[in-house]
Amino acid sequence: KFPLGGLDDLTIDDNGNLYVCLWINGKIVKLSQDGKRQLLAKNLDGPSAIAFDPRSTTGRLIILIKGGDFKFQGTQIMEMETGANPYHLPYL
């Protein structure tokens, strides 16, 4: 089972993989289209936002770590290379 407690944010790459912040569990998880899960980071203090860096050519994820006080005191930015290409919505 995939623990949904604390699901806070997600982003997607061009292969349909989801990158998910689990705030309560302090984890970043990659979910592939075939249902496989890959733990990318753990023991984080409140990962709450995730996005691909639009300037990156190496699939760099930017992750906001805000901690548990909700006051953004001590907020940190974490970067992680994935090698994936971000999904870009087509312009309408």
Protein backbone atom coordinates (compact mmCIF):
# COMPACT_ATOMS: atom_id res chain seq x y z
CA LYS A 1 0.00 0.00 0.00
CA PHE A 2 1.11 3.53 -0.71
CA PRO A 3 0.86 5.70 2.41
CA LEU A 4 -1.15 8.76 1.47
CA GLY A 5 -0.87 10.43 4.85
CA GLY A 6 0.74 13.79 4.37
CA LEU A 7 0.69 13.87 0.57
CA ASP A 8 1.59 17.51 0.01
CA ASP A 9 2.75 18.11 -3.56
CA LEU A 10 3.72 16.31 -6.74
CA THR A 11 5.23 16.85 -10.16
CA ILE A 12 5.49 14.70 -13.28
CA ASP A 13 8.19 13.94 -15.84
CA ASP A 14 7.72 13.34 -19.57
CA ASN A 15 7.61 9.55 -19.04
CA GLY A 16 4.60 9.86 -16.73
CA ASN A 17 6.50 9.25 -13.49
CA LEU A 18 5.17 11.10 -10.45
CA TYR A 19 7.51 12.65 -7.88
CA VAL A 20 5.64 13.02 -4.58
CA CYS A 21 6.32 14.89 -1.32
CA LEU A 22 5.07 13.02 1.74
CA TRP A 23 5.10 15.70 4.40
CA ILE A 24 4.18 13.61 7.46
CA ASN A 25 6.51 10.75 6.48
CA GLY A 26 9.38 13.06 5.48
CA LYS A 27 9.92 11.29 2.17
CA ILE A 28 10.23 11.97 -1.54
CA VAL A 29 8.92 9.06 -3.62
CA LYS A 30 8.95 8.38 -7.36
CA LEU A 31 5.93 6.46 -8.70
CA SER A 32 6.27 4.96 -12.17
CA GLN A 33 3.40 4.23 -14.53
CA ASP A 34 3.75 0.49 -13.91
CA GLY A 35 3.17 1.03 -10.19
CA LYS A 36 6.76 0.71 -8.99
CA ARG A 37 7.82 2.96 -6.12
CA GLN A 38 11.30 4.31 -5.57
CA LEU A 39 12.29 6.09 -2.38
CA LEU A 40 14.41 9.09 -3.40
CA ALA A 41 14.84 10.74 0.02
CA LYS A 42 13.80 10.07 3.60
CA ASN A 43 14.07 11.58 7.07
CA LEU A 44 13.29 15.07 5.72
CA ASP A 45 11.68 17.62 8.04
CA GLY A 46 8.47 18.45 6.20
CA PRO A 47 8.98 18.32 2.42
CA SER A 48 6.09 20.40 1.17
CA ALA A 49 6.63 21.48 -2.46
CA ILE A 50 8.36 19.90 -5.44
CA ALA A 51 9.02 21.04 -9.01
CA PHE A 52 11.50 20.55 -11.80
CA ASP A 53 14.00 23.38 -12.23
CA PRO A 54 13.09 24.86 -15.64
CA ARG A 55 16.73 25.85 -16.24
CA SER A 56 18.06 22.34 -15.70
CA THR A 57 18.96 19.92 -18.46
CA THR A 58 19.55 17.06 -16.01
CA GLY A 59 16.12 16.75 -14.40
CA ARG A 60 16.95 18.70 -11.27
CA LEU A 61 14.14 18.70 -8.72
CA ILE A 62 13.73 21.64 -6.36
CA ILE A 63 12.14 20.66 -3.04
CA LEU A 64 10.93 23.04 -0.34
CA ILE A 65 11.55 21.74 3.18
CA LYS A 66 9.53 23.89 5.56
CA GLY A 67 9.61 21.89 8.78
CA GLY A 68 6.75 21.41 11.16
CA ASP A 69 6.12 24.89 12.54
CA PHE A 70 4.14 26.28 9.55
CA LYS A 71 5.87 29.66 10.06
CA PHE A 72 8.51 29.08 7.38
CA GLN A 73 11.22 29.64 9.98
CA GLY A 74 14.25 27.63 8.97
CA THR A 75 12.82 26.82 5.53
CA GLN A 76 15.35 25.06 3.32
CA ILE A 77 15.63 24.36 -0.39
CA MET A 78 16.88 20.92 -1.44
CA GLU A 79 18.03 20.02 -4.95
CA MET A 80 18.08 16.52 -6.41
CA GLU A 81 19.23 15.32 -9.84
CA THR A 82 16.92 12.73 -11.43
CA GLY A 83 18.11 12.48 -15.03
CA ALA A 84 14.46 12.83 -16.10
CA ASN A 85 12.94 15.36 -18.45
CA PRO A 86 10.15 17.44 -16.93
CA TYR A 87 6.70 17.29 -18.48
CA HIS A 88 5.73 20.56 -20.11
CA LEU A 89 2.10 21.42 -20.66
CA PRO A 90 1.42 22.45 -24.22
CA TYR A 91 0.53 26.08 -24.76
CA LEU A 92 -3.11 26.54 -25.59
